[in-house]
Protein backbone atom coordinates (compact mmCIF):
# COMPACT_ATOMS: atom_id res chain seq x y z
CA UNK A 1 42.57 181.90 65.75
CA UNK A 2 38.67 181.69 66.63
CA UNK A 3 36.97 182.21 70.09
CA UNK A 4 36.62 178.83 70.94
CA UNK A 5 40.48 177.76 70.26
CA UNK A 6 41.49 181.04 71.79
CA UNK A 7 39.77 180.21 75.20
CA UNK A 8 40.98 176.57 75.22
CA UNK A 9 44.59 178.00 74.50
CA UNK A 10 44.21 180.23 77.30
CA UNK A 11 42.88 177.68 79.98
CA UNK A 12 45.83 175.32 78.66
CA UNK A 13 48.45 178.20 79.46
CA UNK A 14 46.32 178.74 83.12
CA UNK A 15 46.69 175.16 83.95
CA UNK A 16 50.31 175.05 82.98
CA UNK A 17 50.73 177.88 85.26
CA UNK A 18 48.61 176.65 88.31
CA UNK A 19 51.33 174.79 89.72
CA UNK A 20 55.54 174.62 89.25
CA UNK A 21 56.57 172.54 86.41
CA UNK A 22 58.06 169.33 87.71
CA UNK A 23 61.59 168.79 86.25
CA UNK A 24 63.81 166.16 86.16
CA UNK A 25 67.94 166.02 84.98
CA UNK A 26 69.59 163.28 83.65
CA UNK A 27 73.47 164.20 83.52
CA UNK A 28 74.37 166.29 86.76
CA UNK A 29 77.50 167.46 85.49
CA UNK A 30 78.88 170.75 84.13
CA UNK A 31 76.56 171.63 81.38
CA UNK A 32 73.48 169.80 83.17
CA UNK A 33 73.99 172.11 85.84
CA UNK A 34 74.31 175.22 83.90
CA UNK A 35 71.20 174.20 81.92
CA UNK A 36 69.09 173.66 84.84
CA UNK A 37 69.90 176.59 86.98
CA UNK A 38 69.32 178.93 84.09
CA UNK A 39 65.75 177.23 83.56
CA UNK A 40 65.32 177.79 87.62
CA UNK A 41 66.11 181.41 87.09
CA UNK A 42 63.43 181.85 84.52
CA UNK A 43 60.65 180.24 85.70
CA UNK A 44 59.93 178.81 89.52
CA UNK A 45 60.22 175.17 88.80
CA UNK A 46 60.29 172.28 91.11
CA UNK A 47 63.02 170.41 90.30
CA UNK A 48 62.25 167.02 91.71
CA UNK A 49 64.56 164.47 90.61
CA UNK A 50 68.32 164.46 89.52
CA UNK A 51 69.98 161.27 88.05
CA UNK A 52 73.63 160.45 87.60
CA UNK A 53 76.04 157.26 87.66
CA UNK A 54 78.55 159.73 89.59
CA UNK A 55 77.30 159.41 93.19
CA UNK A 56 79.58 162.20 94.44
CA UNK A 57 78.65 164.48 91.54
CA UNK A 58 74.96 163.76 91.89
CA UNK A 59 74.92 164.52 95.65
CA UNK A 60 76.67 167.93 95.22
CA UNK A 61 74.19 168.83 92.38
CA UNK A 62 71.38 168.03 94.92
CA UNK A 63 72.87 170.36 97.29
CA UNK A 64 73.30 172.92 94.80
CA UNK A 65 69.77 172.68 93.52
CA UNK A 66 68.16 172.80 97.15
CA UNK A 67 69.83 176.31 97.71
CA UNK A 68 68.84 177.75 94.13
CA UNK A 69 65.04 176.38 93.54
CA UNK A 70 62.57 178.47 95.25
CA UNK A 71 60.85 175.83 97.57
CA UNK A 72 64.56 174.85 98.88
CA UNK A 73 63.75 171.38 98.97
CA UNK A 74 66.49 168.82 97.89
CA UNK A 75 65.42 166.66 94.75
CA UNK A 76 65.43 162.79 94.85
CA UNK A 77 68.31 161.29 93.48
CA UNK A 78 68.62 158.26 91.08
CA UNK A 79 71.83 156.17 89.17
CA UNK A 80 69.40 155.19 86.56
CA UNK A 81 67.19 157.13 84.56
CA UNK A 82 64.85 154.26 83.82
CA UNK A 83 63.91 154.26 87.59
CA UNK A 84 63.66 158.13 87.67
CA UNK A 85 61.18 158.11 84.71
CA UNK A 86 59.36 155.14 86.32
CA UNK A 87 57.85 157.61 88.95
CA UNK A 88 55.76 158.98 86.40
CA UNK A 89 56.07 162.43 88.87
CA UNK A 90 57.64 164.91 86.28
CA UNK A 91 56.47 167.40 83.56
CA UNK A 92 59.77 168.21 81.98
CA UNK A 93 63.10 166.40 81.47
CA UNK A 94 66.74 167.84 80.73
CA UNK A 95 69.32 165.45 79.42
CA UNK A 96 73.01 166.78 79.58
CA UNK A 97 74.89 163.13 79.52
CA UNK A 98 77.82 162.30 77.08
CA UNK A 99 76.75 161.87 73.86
CA UNK A 100 76.65 158.23 73.73
CA UNK A 101 73.73 158.62 76.56
CA UNK A 102 71.29 160.98 74.71
CA UNK A 103 69.44 158.95 72.44
CA UNK A 104 68.15 155.75 74.80
CA UNK A 105 66.92 158.37 77.65
CA UNK A 106 65.58 161.16 75.12
CA UNK A 107 63.17 158.18 73.49
CA UNK A 108 62.41 156.96 77.03
CA UNK A 109 60.98 160.19 78.41
CA UNK A 110 59.27 161.01 75.49
CA UNK A 111 57.39 157.70 75.57
CA UNK A 112 56.61 158.51 79.06
CA UNK A 113 54.69 161.80 78.16
CA UNK A 114 57.36 163.98 78.82
CA UNK A 115 58.67 167.24 77.05
CA UNK A 116 62.50 167.18 76.90
CA UNK A 117 65.44 169.67 76.53
CA UNK A 118 68.40 167.54 75.40
CA UNK A 119 71.98 168.60 74.57
CA UNK A 120 73.89 168.59 71.27
CA UNK A 121 74.56 167.01 69.46
CA UNK A 122 71.44 164.88 69.93
CA UNK A 123 73.05 161.62 68.95
CA UNK A 124 76.24 159.66 68.17
CA UNK A 125 74.99 158.12 64.87
CA UNK A 126 72.52 158.89 62.41
CA UNK A 127 69.99 156.37 63.06
CA UNK A 128 69.62 157.35 66.77
CA UNK A 129 68.76 160.64 65.42
CA UNK A 130 66.32 159.54 62.96
CA UNK A 131 64.46 157.65 65.74
CA UNK A 132 64.70 160.50 68.26
CA UNK A 133 62.85 162.71 65.96
CA UNK A 134 60.50 159.94 65.25
CA UNK A 135 59.96 159.48 68.85
CA UNK A 136 59.23 163.05 69.33
CA UNK A 137 56.28 163.11 66.63
CA UNK A 138 54.86 159.81 67.59
CA UNK A 139 54.31 160.63 71.31
CA UNK A 140 53.74 164.36 70.33
CA UNK A 141 56.35 165.85 72.63
CA UNK A 142 58.25 169.16 72.60
CA UNK A 143 61.92 168.85 71.96
CA UNK A 144 64.12 171.24 72.29
CA UNK A 145 68.03 170.95 71.38
CA UNK A 146 71.09 172.82 73.26
CA UNK A 147 71.87 174.76 70.15
CA UNK A 148 71.55 177.74 71.82
CA UNK A 149 73.10 180.03 69.14
CA UNK A 150 69.78 180.10 67.96
CA UNK A 151 68.97 181.96 71.15
CA UNK A 152 72.17 184.06 71.62
CA UNK A 153 70.83 187.90 71.94
CA UNK A 154 73.42 189.34 69.52
CA UNK A 155 73.23 186.60 66.92
CA UNK A 156 69.54 186.74 66.77
CA UNK A 157 70.10 190.78 66.14
CA UNK A 158 72.72 189.73 63.32
CA UNK A 159 70.31 187.35 61.77
CA UNK A 160 67.43 189.92 61.84
CA UNK A 161 69.58 193.08 60.88
CA UNK A 162 72.07 191.98 58.79
CA UNK A 163 71.17 188.73 56.98
CA UNK A 164 67.66 188.83 56.52
CA UNK A 165 67.77 192.70 55.40
CA UNK A 166 70.36 191.71 52.61
CA UNK A 167 73.02 193.98 53.73
CA UNK A 168 75.74 191.02 53.00
CA UNK A 169 73.98 190.90 49.32
CA UNK A 170 74.37 187.36 47.73
CA UNK A 171 76.29 184.54 50.07
CA UNK A 172 77.95 182.25 48.00
CA UNK A 173 80.49 181.14 51.10
CA UNK A 174 80.26 180.76 54.62
CA UNK A 175 83.62 179.65 56.85
CA UNK A 176 83.07 178.31 59.96
CA UNK A 177 85.66 177.00 62.67
CA UNK A 178 87.28 176.77 65.78
CA UNK A 179 90.96 177.30 66.70
CA UNK A 180 90.58 176.78 70.62
CA UNK A 181 93.29 174.34 71.98
CA UNK A 182 90.66 172.20 73.48
CA UNK A 183 92.03 168.55 72.52
CA UNK A 184 93.39 166.51 75.52
CA UNK A 185 97.00 166.43 75.09
CA UNK A 186 98.23 163.94 77.89
CA UNK A 187 98.59 160.37 78.04
CA UNK A 188 97.76 159.16 81.33
CA UNK A 189 97.63 155.56 82.52
CA UNK A 190 94.46 153.60 82.56
CA UNK A 191 93.22 152.89 85.99
CA UNK A 192 90.31 150.82 88.32
CA UNK A 193 87.66 153.61 88.09
CA UNK A 194 86.90 155.53 91.33
CA UNK A 195 84.39 153.72 93.53
CA UNK A 196 81.99 156.54 93.41
CA UNK A 197 81.42 156.20 89.53
CA UNK A 198 79.68 153.16 88.07
CA UNK A 199 82.04 152.95 85.08
CA UNK A 200 79.94 150.30 83.60
CA UNK A 201 76.42 152.08 83.63
CA UNK A 202 78.45 155.17 82.50
CA UNK A 203 79.75 153.36 79.35
CA UNK A 204 76.37 152.31 78.67
CA UNK A 205 75.91 151.13 74.94
CA UNK A 206 79.56 152.78 73.93
CA UNK A 207 82.26 150.08 73.37
CA UNK A 208 84.22 149.15 76.62
CA UNK A 209 87.07 150.86 77.16
CA UNK A 210 89.59 150.58 80.28
CA UNK A 211 88.75 153.34 82.48
CA UNK A 212 91.02 156.36 82.39
CA UNK A 213 90.92 159.87 84.19
CA UNK A 214 90.36 161.58 80.36
CA UNK A 215 86.93 160.17 80.21
CA UNK A 216 85.39 161.20 83.42
CA UNK A 217 84.35 163.71 84.11
CA UNK A 218 84.15 166.78 81.05
CA UNK A 219 87.25 165.23 79.06
CA UNK A 220 85.14 162.20 77.45
CA UNK A 221 85.14 163.91 73.82
CA UNK A 222 88.78 163.15 73.33
CA UNK A 223 87.29 159.82 72.49
CA UNK A 224 85.32 158.62 69.46
CA UNK A 225 83.83 155.88 71.44
CA UNK A 226 81.55 158.70 73.23
CA UNK A 227 81.05 161.09 70.82
CA UNK A 228 82.12 162.55 67.35
CA UNK A 229 85.11 164.76 68.01
CA UNK A 230 85.48 168.60 67.75
CA UNK A 231 83.03 168.46 64.86
CA UNK A 232 80.70 166.90 66.65
CA UNK A 233 81.10 169.29 69.93
CA UNK A 234 82.06 172.68 68.14
CA UNK A 235 81.20 172.69 64.40
CA UNK A 236 77.54 171.55 65.09
CA UNK A 237 76.90 174.95 67.07
CA UNK A 238 78.24 176.73 64.02
CA UNK A 239 76.87 174.85 61.37
CA UNK A 240 73.49 174.98 63.35
CA UNK A 241 73.70 178.67 63.63
CA UNK A 242 74.52 179.19 59.80
CA UNK A 243 71.21 176.90 58.67
CA UNK A 244 69.24 179.01 61.13
CA UNK A 245 70.65 182.35 60.08
CA UNK A 246 70.17 181.39 56.22
CA UNK A 247 67.04 179.04 56.66
CA UNK A 248 68.93 176.23 55.23
CA UNK A 249 67.94 172.46 55.20
CA UNK A 250 70.02 169.50 54.58
CA UNK A 251 73.33 169.84 52.74
CA UNK A 252 73.37 167.58 49.68
CA UNK A 253 77.14 166.62 49.85
CA UNK A 254 79.49 166.39 52.39
CA UNK A 255 83.60 165.71 52.48
CA UNK A 256 86.23 165.53 55.12
CA UNK A 257 89.52 165.65 55.40
CA UNK A 258 91.96 165.40 58.46
CA UNK A 259 93.23 163.53 61.15
CA UNK A 260 95.86 163.53 64.10
CA UNK A 261 98.38 165.51 62.22
CA UNK A 262 100.32 167.30 65.21
CA UNK A 263 99.57 165.69 68.48
CA UNK A 264 100.86 162.21 67.97
CA UNK A 265 101.44 161.63 71.73
CA UNK A 266 98.38 162.06 73.53
CA UNK A 267 95.63 158.95 74.41
CA UNK A 268 93.23 161.08 72.78
CA UNK A 269 91.72 159.53 69.65
CA UNK A 270 90.11 162.54 67.72
CA UNK A 271 91.44 164.67 65.12
CA UNK A 272 93.58 167.78 65.91
CA UNK A 273 93.36 168.97 62.33
CA UNK A 274 89.91 168.63 60.10
CA UNK A 275 88.35 170.48 57.45
CA UNK A 276 84.45 169.73 56.35
CA UNK A 277 82.63 171.00 53.31
CA UNK A 278 78.69 171.43 53.38
CA UNK A 279 77.27 171.74 50.29
CA UNK A 280 73.85 173.53 49.70
CA UNK A 281 71.99 174.67 46.52
CA UNK A 282 74.20 177.90 45.48
CA UNK A 283 76.22 177.82 48.87
CA UNK A 284 79.23 176.44 50.27
CA UNK A 285 79.79 176.10 54.29
CA UNK A 286 83.39 175.06 55.06
CA UNK A 287 84.90 174.23 58.62
CA UNK A 288 88.17 173.79 60.03
CA UNK A 289 89.33 172.92 63.23
CA UNK A 290 92.84 173.16 64.66
CA UNK A 291 93.74 172.54 68.31
CA UNK A 292 97.07 173.79 67.68
CA UNK A 293 98.60 177.08 66.71
CA UNK A 294 97.13 180.54 66.14
CA UNK A 295 93.74 181.47 64.96
CA UNK A 296 93.62 183.75 61.96
CA UNK A 297 91.44 186.20 63.73
CA UNK A 298 91.86 186.17 67.87
CA UNK A 299 88.89 188.18 67.90
CA UNK A 300 87.11 185.23 66.48
CA UNK A 301 88.50 182.14 67.35
CA UNK A 302 84.76 180.34 67.20
CA UNK A 303 82.60 181.57 65.05
CA UNK A 304 81.32 181.84 60.97
CA UNK A 305 82.59 184.29 58.59
CA UNK A 306 79.41 184.61 55.75
CA UNK A 307 80.96 186.52 52.65
CA UNK A 308 78.33 188.13 50.48
CA UNK A 309 78.84 190.41 47.38
CA UNK A 310 77.95 193.44 49.39
CA UNK A 311 79.78 192.60 52.46
CA UNK A 312 80.79 190.31 55.01
CA UNK A 313 79.71 189.33 58.59
CA UNK A 314 82.01 187.89 61.07
CA UNK A 315 79.66 186.02 63.94
CA UNK A 316 80.99 184.55 66.93
CA UNK A 317 79.50 183.87 70.77
CA UNK A 318 81.22 186.69 71.95
CA UNK A 319 80.50 189.80 69.35
CA UNK A 320 79.55 190.09 65.61
CA UNK A 321 80.82 192.35 63.02
CA UNK A 322 79.53 193.42 60.08
CA UNK A 323 81.98 195.33 56.97
CA UNK A 324 80.54 196.50 54.50
CA UNK A 325 81.95 196.51 50.98
CA UNK A 326 81.04 200.01 50.03
CA UNK A 327 83.83 202.13 52.45
CA UNK A 328 80.86 204.84 52.65
CA UNK A 329 78.50 202.43 54.28
CA UNK A 330 78.73 202.19 57.84
CA UNK A 331 79.89 198.94 59.45
CA UNK A 332 78.48 197.44 62.88
CA UNK A 333 80.02 195.65 65.66
CA UNK A 334 77.88 194.25 68.83
CA UNK A 335 78.88 192.59 71.64
CA UNK A 336 77.64 189.84 73.72
CA UNK A 337 75.08 190.50 76.31
CA UNK A 338 75.58 189.95 79.76
CA UNK A 339 72.98 190.00 82.34
CA UNK A 340 75.00 190.07 85.46
CA UNK A 341 73.17 192.73 87.58
CA UNK A 342 69.85 191.03 86.53
CA UNK A 343 70.81 187.65 87.73
CA UNK A 344 73.75 187.69 90.35
CA UNK A 345 74.17 184.36 90.73
CA UNK A 346 75.98 184.38 87.17
CA UNK A 347 78.69 186.15 88.61
CA UNK A 348 79.70 183.28 91.57
CA UNK A 349 78.21 179.96 89.92
CA UNK A 350 81.24 177.83 89.38
CA UNK A 351 82.13 176.90 85.87
CA UNK A 352 79.40 178.79 84.28
CA UNK A 353 80.55 180.17 80.62
CA UNK A 354 78.80 183.72 81.75
CA UNK A 355 78.61 184.70 78.32
CA UNK A 356 76.38 182.02 77.11
CA UNK A 357 73.88 182.21 80.24
CA UNK A 358 71.83 184.82 78.74
CA UNK A 359 71.36 182.50 75.47
CA UNK A 360 70.37 179.56 77.74
CA UNK A 361 67.97 181.88 79.23
CA UNK A 362 66.21 182.85 76.31
CA UNK A 363 66.51 179.14 75.10
CA UNK A 364 64.60 177.98 78.19
CA UNK A 365 61.99 180.56 77.67
CA UNK A 366 61.51 179.71 73.95
CA UNK A 367 61.48 175.79 75.21
CA UNK A 368 58.65 176.54 77.81
CA UNK A 369 56.58 178.77 75.51
CA UNK A 370 56.61 175.89 72.87
CA UNK A 371 55.62 173.25 75.56
CA UNK A 372 52.61 175.62 76.38
CA UNK A 373 51.78 176.03 72.89
CA UNK A 374 52.53 172.68 72.09
CA UNK A 375 54.20 173.80 69.25
CA UNK A 376 57.70 173.64 67.78
CA UNK A 377 60.83 175.52 69.47
CA UNK A 378 63.26 177.36 67.71
CA UNK A 379 65.75 174.55 67.93
CA UNK A 380 63.17 171.59 67.42
CA UNK A 381 64.48 167.99 67.55
CA UNK A 382 64.27 167.59 63.54
CA UNK A 383 66.73 171.03 63.29
CA UNK A 384 68.83 169.51 65.74
CA UNK A 385 69.09 166.16 63.96
CA UNK A 386 69.80 167.85 60.31
CA UNK A 387 72.92 169.70 62.17
CA UNK A 388 73.92 166.78 64.20
CA UNK A 389 73.83 163.84 61.62
CA UNK A 390 75.72 166.55 59.08
CA UNK A 391 78.51 166.66 61.36
CA UNK A 392 78.49 163.04 61.81
CA UNK A 393 78.41 162.53 58.11
CA UNK A 394 81.40 164.66 57.77
CA UNK A 395 83.68 162.59 60.31
CA UNK A 396 82.43 159.34 58.41
CA UNK A 397 83.68 160.99 55.07
CA UNK A 398 86.70 161.79 56.36
CA UNK A 399 87.06 157.92 57.75
CA UNK A 400 86.25 156.44 54.26
CA UNK A 401 88.17 158.67 52.39
CA UNK A 402 85.13 160.05 50.19
CA UNK A 403 82.58 162.36 49.76
CA UNK A 404 78.89 161.52 50.66
CA UNK A 405 75.78 162.32 48.76
CA UNK A 406 72.76 162.80 51.28
CA UNK A 407 69.09 161.94 50.29
CA UNK A 408 67.19 163.37 53.54
CA UNK A 409 63.87 161.71 51.91
CA UNK A 410 65.23 158.51 52.17
CA UNK A 411 67.43 159.16 55.10
CA UNK A 412 70.60 157.31 53.27
CA UNK A 413 73.60 157.86 51.40
CA UNK A 414 73.19 157.82 47.77
CA UNK A 415 74.99 154.86 45.92
CA UNK A 416 77.34 153.81 48.75
CA UNK A 417 76.18 150.65 50.67
CA UNK A 418 79.43 150.72 52.86
CA UNK A 419 78.81 154.18 54.15
CA UNK A 420 75.15 153.35 54.59
CA UNK A 421 75.91 150.46 57.06
CA UNK A 422 78.15 152.84 58.98
CA UNK A 423 74.95 155.20 59.84
CA UNK A 424 74.35 152.82 62.77
CA UNK A 425 77.14 152.18 65.45
CA UNK A 426 77.01 148.59 67.33
CA UNK A 427 75.71 148.99 70.78
CA UNK A 428 77.15 147.21 73.38
CA UNK A 429 74.93 144.27 75.24
CA UNK A 430 72.46 144.33 76.64
CA UNK A 431 71.37 147.78 75.48
CA UNK A 432 69.58 148.00 72.22
CA UNK A 433 69.82 150.44 69.59
CA UNK A 434 67.05 152.43 68.97
CA UNK A 435 65.28 152.14 65.41
CA UNK A 436 63.33 154.29 63.11
CA UNK A 437 59.86 152.45 62.71
CA UNK A 438 59.99 150.77 66.22
CA UNK A 439 59.85 153.51 68.97
């Protein structure tokens, strides 16, 4: 960097810090609040506006933000993200809606000149993701994806000190898995939606189902109409972590099998048992989830196991363990980092995953730094797209009953036009599916 570039860069940083960044949140539920309140902890931003189709949830979030932000001002509230963005008074927007509502607000936000933090998976279909990446690049916006394993302190250490230093030797297989009993198991009747919820807007571009209490709040992942099941929710994190740790791009071949093998009584239509194989050059990454039974290792119910010819690494949200093959060498165990004394709000915040809070803070700091530098963050939208689309393709493989060979240059499945037709889900009118080349 020469002197002129340095001065320009410094001036830009100074301007960015001359007033609080103005922030909006779309989706004020569980994780929207978790993300926003961590952002408030790492920088004195001004939360200007909140948007949600649940009026009760929205009002509670506005009160909470007013308590927690420096200015103590209550944010304005909106039920339509388009009206919020039309105010042109934001610098950043956080998107933490259900998955079927990620693409349209994100694209509209970058068109409005905003930098974006969007939750994972970035999309419900592959074409949405392609359009999102294209929009971020076209409008030159910074977009961070909420795959915060890339910012988890003990996993950052494992990446640098175990994998990057070659302590595992040649890695030929990584197993990734989730054995949480997280799938909805009940079958409640359909009812009229509550008066405080705009269910038509909540459904948006997704197929219209009768309202059911499983859909809102928080349990909408029970239905494939709104997401991609446990693979879209949990595999995306672990696959993304493996790709980051090992500097991997796209898998070349994806296959998956599974279905509803045990719990056939629930209203949920997502798989309760599924395996998926992601083939990379010289490496196989194998996913498994079961929402029933015991995990093979109770210490690692949701994690990755890296198998090398010199050792094994188990890496999860709560800890990592390095086990060298040579019994004369010293193993390493590291637990999750908590920051409860530095951030006492974490102790009492309702529903906060306290073990994840430090990772979200690091992820937010990385996002803000990328915004200031106009650089790509650690979980850039393209990386989020690769991990999200790979999981979507796994579900497609299971549905079609055959493997998928992916061509990343063309963004197409090789030699399978039936599968290519499924890269785009139909949108419910009047919503229009975003298309690459037209954002």
